[in-house]
Amino acid sequence: MADQRREHGQGDRNTADQRRHERDGGSAALAPGGPAGASDEPVATSGRQAQLQHTGLRSGWTTGACATAATTAAYTALLGGDFPDTVTITLPRGQQPAFALAAEESGPGWAMAAVVKDAGDDPDVTHGALVRARVRALPPGSGVVFRAGPGVGTVTRAGLPLPVGEPAINPVPRQMMREHVAAVAERLGGSGDVEIEVSVDHGEEIARSTWNPRLGILGGLSILGTTGIVVPYSCSAWIDSIRRGVDVARAAGRRHVAGCTGSTSEKVAVAEHALPEDALLDMGDFAGAVLKYLRRYPVDRLTIAGGFAKLSKLAAGHLDLHSSRSQVDKGFLAELARTGGADEELAAAVATANTGLETVQLCAARGVPLGDLVAEAAREQALGVLRGAPVAVDVICIDRAGTIVGRALPRGPREG
């Protein structure tokens, strides 16, 4: 294959991205009517989907979705010789957005494609970043190998969902890329054995505005995403959508609702309690908004489900769980660990751990139920905000994979 290179105009890209977001029915905040072959999505009337639509904000794509699109286009060109004009991928929940290519280049045994990340109406520091994937053919049996290119970080500390030394390409984006490589290989007759090098233009500079350096992810950004979709962030719109979710649940006669920090915790809540869609509140970072509204308009039972780190903030008394407004307090976790039987050596390790996940792992290895202790403390904070409203509260803490690492059984109400 002769070397070839093409760069596309920024203005054309932005226009195309805007049209795709306005048309794609796969994202809750986008108008129905997606790219060719996609079906219109009906307007939701309850649950998480309705909350997303209610905000009126435009969703965007994660770096993981962009890297998957770029990988798919590059591998298609590597096997077929031509880059697609647009590349359509399938997200974990089945949506099928199409991406225009911002750049493409190829040579003997390799191809590179790039996509501009559009974060929609979310104030994401990676909005507008150019995400590149360079795909190189490997010998049969090699599998899929991931590399960090310029602007993508490398993990240097324990406690993250990837081993030390690995490129900061998170598990779900890796799985998405593997699946799309396999699909292209099956369609075009390839082996599926490739090296994928993901890079982000100016990623190292952008990463200085993130938590990556503090977490020990050095050299650039992380390639992230569990659903492929960036949910737009707006305090007032999101809090209003939570209230409408409670209203819908009460009108439907639901006596048990779940406030979840994200899609993974929502799945766990449904699996644990068999809750219908209109009993699910997309709480996000706004634990306080859920609790204060239920104080005025109660239901019999509230399940709070979320990631351990976020719920450790609630346990410490924070009602806004966003990373820019509250942090995981390792000293607080160390004190909790002591109440669960941790000795001073373990407590000191918890206080200096890299991430919330690492604190759970450290304590679990020593038989200290830190996850349960955090869940119980979060439940007590929630009951305090409810101020005696007739709502029983239970709490489920999960890790990134959706495994339950702590829980507190229903309790309440109590006077505050």
Protein backbone atom coordinates (compact mmCIF):
# COMPACT_ATOMS: atom_id res chain seq x y z
CA MET A 1 0.00 0.00 0.00
CA ALA A 2 1.52 3.31 -1.02
CA ASP A 3 1.96 5.94 1.66
CA GLN A 4 -0.96 8.32 1.70
CA ARG A 5 -2.07 11.09 3.99
CA ARG A 6 -5.14 13.26 4.17
CA GLU A 7 -6.22 15.98 6.58
CA HIS A 8 -9.80 17.24 6.68
CA GLY A 9 -10.92 20.78 7.36
CA GLN A 10 -11.82 21.65 10.95
CA GLY A 11 -14.89 23.60 9.92
CA ASP A 12 -16.29 20.69 7.93
CA ARG A 13 -15.64 18.35 10.85
CA ASN A 14 -17.50 20.50 13.34
CA THR A 15 -20.48 20.86 11.02
CA ALA A 16 -20.59 17.13 10.43
CA ASP A 17 -20.25 16.36 14.14
CA GLN A 18 -23.07 18.80 14.94
CA ARG A 19 -25.36 17.10 12.41
CA ARG A 20 -24.51 13.65 13.77
CA HIS A 21 -25.27 14.67 17.35
CA GLU A 22 -28.54 16.30 16.33
CA ARG A 23 -29.63 13.22 14.42
CA ASP A 24 -28.35 10.29 16.45
CA GLY A 25 -31.07 8.58 18.43
CA GLY A 26 -28.55 6.57 20.43
CA SER A 27 -27.82 9.32 22.93
CA ALA A 28 -30.53 10.38 25.29
CA ALA A 29 -30.00 14.11 24.90
CA LEU A 30 -29.94 13.97 21.11
CA ALA A 31 -32.86 14.30 18.76
CA PRO A 32 -34.04 11.04 17.19
CA GLY A 33 -33.15 10.09 13.66
CA GLY A 34 -29.61 8.73 13.37
CA PRO A 35 -27.22 8.02 10.53
CA ALA A 36 -28.09 5.74 7.67
CA GLY A 37 -29.32 2.43 8.99
CA ALA A 38 -30.09 3.70 12.48
CA SER A 39 -33.65 3.72 13.72
CA ASP A 40 -35.40 6.57 15.51
CA GLU A 41 -35.53 6.23 19.27
CA PRO A 42 -38.88 6.99 20.94
CA VAL A 43 -39.04 9.73 23.53
CA ALA A 44 -38.77 8.21 27.00
CA THR A 45 -41.38 9.07 29.63
CA SER A 46 -39.65 7.75 32.74
CA GLY A 47 -36.36 6.56 34.19
CA ARG A 48 -32.79 7.50 33.34
CA GLN A 49 -33.53 8.00 29.63
CA ALA A 50 -36.27 10.51 30.35
CA GLN A 51 -34.01 12.41 32.73
CA LEU A 52 -31.34 12.72 30.05
CA GLN A 53 -33.87 13.96 27.50
CA HIS A 54 -35.38 16.37 29.99
CA THR A 55 -32.15 18.34 30.42
CA GLY A 56 -32.30 19.49 26.80
CA LEU A 57 -28.51 19.32 26.61
CA ARG A 58 -26.51 17.78 23.77
CA SER A 59 -24.60 14.62 24.62
CA GLY A 60 -21.14 13.87 23.29
CA TRP A 61 -18.72 11.00 22.77
CA THR A 62 -16.10 9.64 25.15
CA THR A 63 -12.45 9.33 24.24
CA GLY A 64 -13.05 5.57 24.24
CA ALA A 65 -15.75 5.87 21.57
CA CYS A 66 -13.53 8.15 19.48
CA ALA A 67 -10.58 5.76 19.76
CA THR A 68 -12.83 2.86 18.75
CA ALA A 69 -14.08 4.74 15.69
CA ALA A 70 -10.53 5.67 14.68
CA THR A 71 -9.34 2.08 15.20
CA THR A 72 -12.20 0.69 13.13
CA ALA A 73 -11.50 3.07 10.26
CA ALA A 74 -7.76 2.41 10.36
CA TYR A 75 -8.12 -1.37 10.38
CA THR A 76 -10.69 -1.19 7.59
CA ALA A 77 -8.18 0.74 5.48
CA LEU A 78 -5.37 -1.64 6.43
CA LEU A 79 -7.33 -4.64 5.16
CA GLY A 80 -9.36 -3.06 2.38
CA GLY A 81 -7.13 -0.28 1.11
CA ASP A 82 -9.63 2.56 1.51
CA PHE A 83 -10.66 4.66 4.46
CA PRO A 84 -14.42 4.95 4.96
CA ASP A 85 -15.90 8.43 4.56
CA THR A 86 -17.63 7.95 7.89
CA VAL A 87 -17.23 5.09 10.32
CA THR A 88 -20.10 3.65 12.34
CA ILE A 89 -19.46 1.84 15.61
CA THR A 90 -21.69 0.00 18.07
CA LEU A 91 -21.60 1.26 21.65
CA PRO A 92 -22.04 -1.02 24.69
CA ARG A 93 -25.77 -0.26 24.87
CA GLY A 94 -26.35 -0.82 21.18
CA GLN A 95 -26.35 2.75 19.85
CA GLN A 96 -24.64 3.17 16.47
CA PRO A 97 -23.19 6.66 16.01
CA ALA A 98 -21.25 7.60 12.87
CA PHE A 99 -17.98 9.58 12.99
CA ALA A 100 -16.31 11.62 10.28
CA LEU A 101 -12.55 11.18 9.96
CA ALA A 102 -10.41 14.21 10.70
CA ALA A 103 -7.16 12.70 9.41
CA GLU A 104 -5.98 9.52 7.75
CA GLU A 105 -2.58 8.12 6.81
CA SER A 106 -1.24 4.73 5.77
CA GLY A 107 1.90 2.86 4.81
CA PRO A 108 3.13 -0.71 4.42
CA GLY A 109 1.56 -2.80 7.19
CA TRP A 110 -0.10 0.07 9.06
CA ALA A 111 -2.85 2.67 8.87
CA MET A 112 -3.83 5.64 11.04
CA ALA A 113 -7.17 7.39 11.38
CA ALA A 114 -8.21 10.25 13.66
CA VAL A 115 -11.48 11.58 15.05
CA VAL A 116 -12.19 14.92 16.74
CA LYS A 117 -13.79 14.43 20.14
CA ASP A 118 -17.08 16.28 20.55
CA ALA A 119 -18.13 16.39 24.20
CA GLY A 120 -21.50 17.94 23.37
CA ASP A 121 -22.66 20.43 25.97
CA ASP A 122 -20.40 18.99 28.66
CA PRO A 123 -17.51 21.29 29.72
CA ASP A 124 -14.95 18.54 29.14
CA VAL A 125 -11.28 19.54 28.86
CA THR A 126 -10.87 17.00 26.05
CA HIS A 127 -13.56 18.62 23.88
CA GLY A 128 -12.09 19.23 20.43
CA ALA A 129 -9.08 16.97 21.01
CA LEU A 130 -7.84 14.91 18.05
CA VAL A 131 -7.87 11.20 18.99
CA ARG A 132 -5.69 9.04 16.72
CA ALA A 133 -5.42 5.28 16.35
CA ARG A 134 -2.49 3.76 14.46
CA VAL A 135 -3.13 0.10 13.66
CA ARG A 136 -0.23 -2.16 12.72
CA ALA A 137 -0.53 -5.76 11.53
CA LEU A 138 1.01 -8.41 13.81
CA PRO A 139 1.82 -12.08 13.19
CA PRO A 140 -1.09 -14.53 13.57
CA GLY A 141 -1.71 -15.47 17.18
CA SER A 142 -0.49 -12.17 18.59
CA GLY A 143 -3.95 -10.95 19.51
CA VAL A 144 -4.67 -7.28 20.09
CA VAL A 145 -1.87 -5.30 21.73
CA PHE A 146 -2.41 -1.77 23.05
CA ARG A 147 0.24 0.97 23.07
CA ALA A 148 0.21 4.50 24.44
CA GLY A 149 1.13 6.97 21.75
CA PRO A 150 1.93 10.64 22.30
CA GLY A 151 -0.58 12.30 24.59
CA VAL A 152 -1.89 9.08 26.19
CA GLY A 153 -0.73 8.33 29.70
CA THR A 154 0.88 5.29 31.29
CA VAL A 155 -0.17 3.83 34.65
CA THR A 156 2.60 4.17 37.25
CA ARG A 157 0.76 3.50 40.53
CA ALA A 158 -1.38 0.69 41.91
CA GLY A 159 -5.07 1.09 42.69
CA LEU A 160 -6.31 1.78 39.17
CA PRO A 161 -8.28 -0.68 36.98
CA LEU A 162 -5.12 -1.34 34.93
CA PRO A 163 -1.77 -2.82 36.00
CA VAL A 164 1.26 -0.60 36.47
CA GLY A 165 3.08 -0.08 33.18
CA GLU A 166 -0.03 -0.40 31.01
CA PRO A 167 -1.30 2.32 28.67
CA ALA A 168 -4.09 4.32 30.29
CA ILE A 169 -6.73 2.82 28.00
CA ASN A 170 -9.50 1.67 30.30
CA PRO A 171 -11.09 -1.81 30.17
CA VAL A 172 -14.35 -0.93 28.37
CA PRO A 173 -12.66 1.02 25.54
CA ARG A 174 -10.21 -1.87 25.14
CA GLN A 175 -13.10 -4.30 24.84
CA MET A 176 -14.86 -2.06 22.33
CA MET A 177 -11.74 -1.86 20.18
CA ARG A 178 -11.19 -5.63 20.34
CA GLU A 179 -14.78 -6.30 19.28
CA HIS A 180 -14.61 -3.89 16.35
CA VAL A 181 -11.27 -5.25 15.20
CA ALA A 182 -12.78 -8.75 15.26
CA ALA A 183 -15.82 -7.59 13.27
CA VAL A 184 -13.66 -5.91 10.61
CA ALA A 185 -11.41 -8.96 10.44
CA GLU A 186 -14.38 -11.23 9.87
CA ARG A 187 -15.84 -8.96 7.20
CA LEU A 188 -12.62 -8.35 5.28
CA GLY A 189 -10.72 -11.56 5.90
CA GLY A 190 -8.09 -10.42 8.39
CA SER A 191 -6.59 -12.31 11.31
CA GLY A 192 -7.47 -9.68 13.93
CA ASP A 193 -3.89 -9.67 15.21
CA VAL A 194 -2.93 -6.01 15.52
CA GLU A 195 -1.13 -3.43 17.57
CA ILE A 196 -3.30 -0.40 18.37
CA GLU A 197 -1.44 2.74 19.32
CA VAL A 198 -3.79 5.42 20.61
CA SER A 199 -2.61 9.01 20.80
CA VAL A 200 -4.17 12.39 21.51
CA ASP A 201 -2.76 15.56 20.04
CA HIS A 202 -1.60 17.87 22.87
CA GLY A 203 -2.80 15.21 25.33
CA GLU A 204 0.10 15.63 27.73
CA GLU A 205 -0.65 19.34 28.02
CA ILE A 206 -4.40 18.75 28.43
CA ALA A 207 -3.76 16.11 31.10
CA ARG A 208 -2.25 18.74 33.39
CA SER A 209 -5.82 20.01 33.87
CA THR A 210 -7.02 16.58 35.00
CA TRP A 211 -6.39 14.32 38.00
CA ASN A 212 -4.08 12.06 36.01
CA PRO A 213 -0.78 13.37 37.37
CA ARG A 214 -1.99 12.98 40.96
CA LEU A 215 -3.26 9.47 40.23
CA GLY A 216 0.07 8.43 38.77
CA ILE A 217 -1.07 8.38 35.13
CA LEU A 218 1.87 10.08 33.48
CA GLY A 219 2.51 11.33 29.98
CA GLY A 220 -1.01 12.18 28.90
CA LEU A 221 -4.72 11.52 29.08
CA SER A 222 -6.70 8.39 29.82
CA ILE A 223 -8.93 6.79 27.20
CA LEU A 224 -12.18 6.48 29.10
CA GLY A 225 -15.85 5.59 28.92
CA THR A 226 -18.25 2.86 29.99
CA THR A 227 -21.14 3.70 27.65
CA GLY A 228 -19.35 5.66 24.92
CA ILE A 229 -21.55 8.68 25.60
CA VAL A 230 -20.63 11.83 27.54
CA VAL A 231 -23.61 12.92 29.62
CA PRO A 232 -23.82 16.73 29.55
CA TYR A 233 -23.38 18.41 32.90
CA SER A 234 -25.65 21.19 34.14
CA CYS A 235 -26.48 21.59 37.82
CA SER A 236 -29.88 23.20 37.44
CA ALA A 237 -31.03 21.01 34.54
CA TRP A 238 -29.87 17.81 36.20
CA ILE A 239 -31.42 18.60 39.58
CA ASP A 240 -34.68 19.47 37.85
CA SER A 241 -34.57 16.13 36.01
CA ILE A 242 -34.08 14.31 39.33
CA ARG A 243 -37.17 15.98 40.73
CA ARG A 244 -39.20 15.02 37.66
CA GLY A 245 -37.96 11.45 38.06
CA VAL A 246 -39.23 11.34 41.64
CA ASP A 247 -42.56 12.83 40.53
CA VAL A 248 -42.99 10.18 37.82
CA ALA A 249 -42.11 7.35 40.23
CA ARG A 250 -44.61 8.57 42.82
CA ALA A 251 -47.33 9.05 40.21
CA ALA A 252 -46.77 5.45 39.09
CA GLY A 253 -47.21 4.26 42.67
CA ARG A 254 -43.59 3.21 43.15
CA ARG A 255 -42.73 2.70 46.80
CA HIS A 256 -39.06 1.86 46.24
CA VAL A 257 -36.72 3.99 44.11
CA ALA A 258 -32.97 3.86 43.46
CA GLY A 259 -30.64 6.84 43.17
CA CYS A 260 -27.61 5.76 41.14
CA THR A 261 -24.37 7.55 40.34
CA GLY A 262 -24.09 6.03 36.84
CA SER A 263 -25.11 3.31 34.44
CA THR A 264 -23.07 0.54 36.10
CA SER A 265 -24.56 1.14 39.54
CA GLU A 266 -28.01 1.36 37.95
CA LYS A 267 -27.57 -2.14 36.51
CA VAL A 268 -26.55 -3.43 39.93
CA ALA A 269 -29.59 -1.82 41.60
CA VAL A 270 -31.91 -3.40 39.03
CA ALA A 271 -30.25 -6.80 39.45
CA GLU A 272 -30.50 -6.61 43.24
CA HIS A 273 -34.04 -5.30 43.54
CA ALA A 274 -35.78 -5.94 40.18
CA LEU A 275 -36.81 -2.29 39.98
CA PRO A 276 -38.75 -1.03 36.94
CA GLU A 277 -37.37 1.77 34.79
CA ASP A 278 -39.61 4.45 36.27
CA ALA A 279 -38.18 3.72 39.74
CA LEU A 280 -34.63 4.58 38.66
CA LEU A 281 -33.24 8.04 39.39
CA ASP A 282 -30.07 9.10 37.63
CA MET A 283 -28.64 10.78 40.71
CA GLY A 284 -25.19 11.34 39.23
CA ASP A 285 -23.21 13.57 41.58
CA PHE A 286 -26.29 15.16 43.14
CA ALA A 287 -26.99 13.03 46.21
CA GLY A 288 -28.22 16.06 48.08
CA ALA A 289 -30.81 16.86 45.42
CA VAL A 290 -32.30 13.37 45.66
CA LEU A 291 -32.41 13.37 49.45
CA LYS A 292 -33.82 16.87 49.85
CA TYR A 293 -36.59 16.27 47.33
CA LEU A 294 -37.51 12.93 48.92
CA ARG A 295 -37.62 14.70 52.27
CA ARG A 296 -40.51 16.76 50.87
CA TYR A 297 -42.04 14.04 48.68
CA PRO A 298 -41.14 10.71 50.30
CA VAL A 299 -41.35 7.11 49.14
CA ASP A 300 -41.09 4.09 51.42
CA ARG A 301 -37.55 3.09 50.44
CA LEU A 302 -34.50 4.56 48.74
CA THR A 303 -31.56 2.51 47.52
CA ILE A 304 -28.42 4.57 46.95
CA ALA A 305 -26.05 2.78 44.58
CA GLY A 306 -22.73 4.03 43.34
CA GLY A 307 -19.00 3.70 43.04
CA PHE A 308 -17.09 3.28 46.27
CA ALA A 309 -15.11 6.50 45.86
CA LYS A 310 -18.19 8.65 45.24
CA LEU A 311 -20.14 7.12 48.10
CA SER A 312 -17.16 7.57 50.42
CA LYS A 313 -17.67 11.31 49.85
CA LEU A 314 -21.32 11.00 50.89
CA ALA A 315 -20.17 9.01 53.92
CA ALA A 316 -17.89 11.92 54.84
CA GLY A 317 -20.79 14.38 54.63
CA HIS A 318 -20.52 15.70 51.07
CA LEU A 319 -23.81 16.02 49.20
CA ASP A 320 -22.23 17.04 45.87
CA LEU A 321 -20.05 14.17 44.71
CA HIS A 322 -18.43 15.81 41.68
CA SER A 323 -14.63 15.61 41.65
CA SER A 324 -14.24 19.37 41.27
CA ARG A 325 -16.21 20.07 44.46
CA SER A 326 -15.40 17.19 46.80
CA GLN A 327 -12.52 14.75 47.14
CA VAL A 328 -12.04 11.29 48.58
CA ASP A 329 -10.82 11.84 52.14
CA LYS A 330 -8.24 9.13 52.80
CA GLY A 331 -7.85 10.27 56.39
CA PHE A 332 -11.56 9.73 56.95
CA LEU A 333 -11.31 6.28 55.35
CA ALA A 334 -8.38 5.44 57.61
CA GLU A 335 -10.47 6.35 60.68
CA LEU A 336 -13.32 4.19 59.40
CA ALA A 337 -10.89 1.33 58.84
CA ARG A 338 -9.72 1.64 62.46
CA THR A 339 -13.32 1.24 63.64
CA GLY A 340 -13.43 -1.97 61.61
CA GLY A 341 -10.34 -3.41 63.26
CA ALA A 342 -7.50 -2.03 61.16
CA ASP A 343 -4.17 -1.72 62.95
CA GLU A 344 -2.04 1.41 62.61
CA GLU A 345 0.01 -0.05 59.78
CA LEU A 346 -3.10 -0.71 57.68
CA ALA A 347 -4.66 2.62 58.63
CA ALA A 348 -1.50 4.42 57.50
CA ALA A 349 -1.58 2.52 54.20
CA VAL A 350 -5.21 3.55 53.67
CA ALA A 351 -4.39 7.18 54.44
CA THR A 352 -1.67 7.23 51.78
CA ALA A 353 -3.37 5.02 49.15
CA ASN A 354 -3.46 6.21 45.56
CA THR A 355 -7.20 5.75 44.96
CA GLY A 356 -10.38 4.87 46.80
CA LEU A 357 -10.36 1.48 45.08
CA GLU A 358 -6.92 0.75 46.53
CA THR A 359 -8.18 1.44 50.06
CA VAL A 360 -10.88 -1.22 49.61
CA GLN A 361 -8.36 -3.70 48.24
CA LEU A 362 -5.92 -3.08 51.08
CA CYS A 363 -8.61 -3.57 53.72
CA ALA A 364 -10.17 -6.61 52.04
CA ALA A 365 -6.80 -8.34 52.06
CA ARG A 366 -6.68 -7.88 55.86
CA GLY A 367 -10.30 -8.79 56.55
CA VAL A 368 -11.44 -5.23 57.30
CA PRO A 369 -14.89 -4.51 55.75
CA LEU A 370 -14.20 -0.95 54.64
CA GLY A 371 -16.82 -1.14 51.89
CA ASP A 372 -19.56 -2.00 54.40
CA LEU A 373 -18.34 0.70 56.77
CA VAL A 374 -18.51 3.32 54.03
CA ALA A 375 -21.99 2.13 53.00
CA GLU A 376 -23.20 2.35 56.59
CA ALA A 377 -21.74 5.83 57.07
CA ALA A 378 -23.31 6.98 53.78
CA ARG A 379 -26.67 5.60 54.92
CA GLU A 380 -26.44 7.55 58.18
CA GLN A 381 -25.58 10.76 56.32
CA ALA A 382 -28.56 10.20 54.02
CA LEU A 383 -30.91 9.62 56.94
CA GLY A 384 -29.64 12.81 58.53
CA VAL A 385 -30.51 14.83 55.41
CA LEU A 386 -33.96 13.21 55.28
CA ARG A 387 -34.63 14.57 58.79
CA GLY A 388 -37.12 11.95 59.84
CA ALA A 389 -38.99 11.71 56.54
CA PRO A 390 -40.62 8.25 56.23
CA VAL A 391 -37.97 6.83 53.92
CA ALA A 392 -35.87 3.75 54.69
CA VAL A 393 -32.41 3.89 53.13
CA ASP A 394 -30.01 1.17 52.03
CA VAL A 395 -26.69 1.64 50.26
CA ILE A 396 -24.72 -0.41 47.72
CA CYS A 397 -21.06 0.39 46.95
CA ILE A 398 -19.51 -1.08 43.79
CA ASP A 399 -16.13 -1.12 42.10
CA ARG A 400 -15.54 -0.12 38.48
CA ALA A 401 -16.51 -3.57 37.22
CA GLY A 402 -19.87 -3.46 39.02
CA THR A 403 -18.86 -5.88 41.78
CA ILE A 404 -20.47 -5.07 45.12
CA VAL A 405 -17.73 -4.16 47.61
CA GLY A 406 -19.94 -2.87 50.41
CA ARG A 407 -23.55 -2.58 51.46
CA ALA A 408 -25.73 -1.28 54.25
CA LEU A 409 -29.14 -2.84 54.88
CA PRO A 410 -32.30 -0.70 54.99
CA ARG A 411 -32.67 1.54 58.02
CA GLY A 412 -34.79 4.49 59.00
CA PRO A 413 -36.34 6.83 59.36
CA ARG A 414 -34.72 8.70 62.24
CA GLU A 415 -35.11 12.21 63.57
CA GLY A 416 -32.49 14.71 62.42
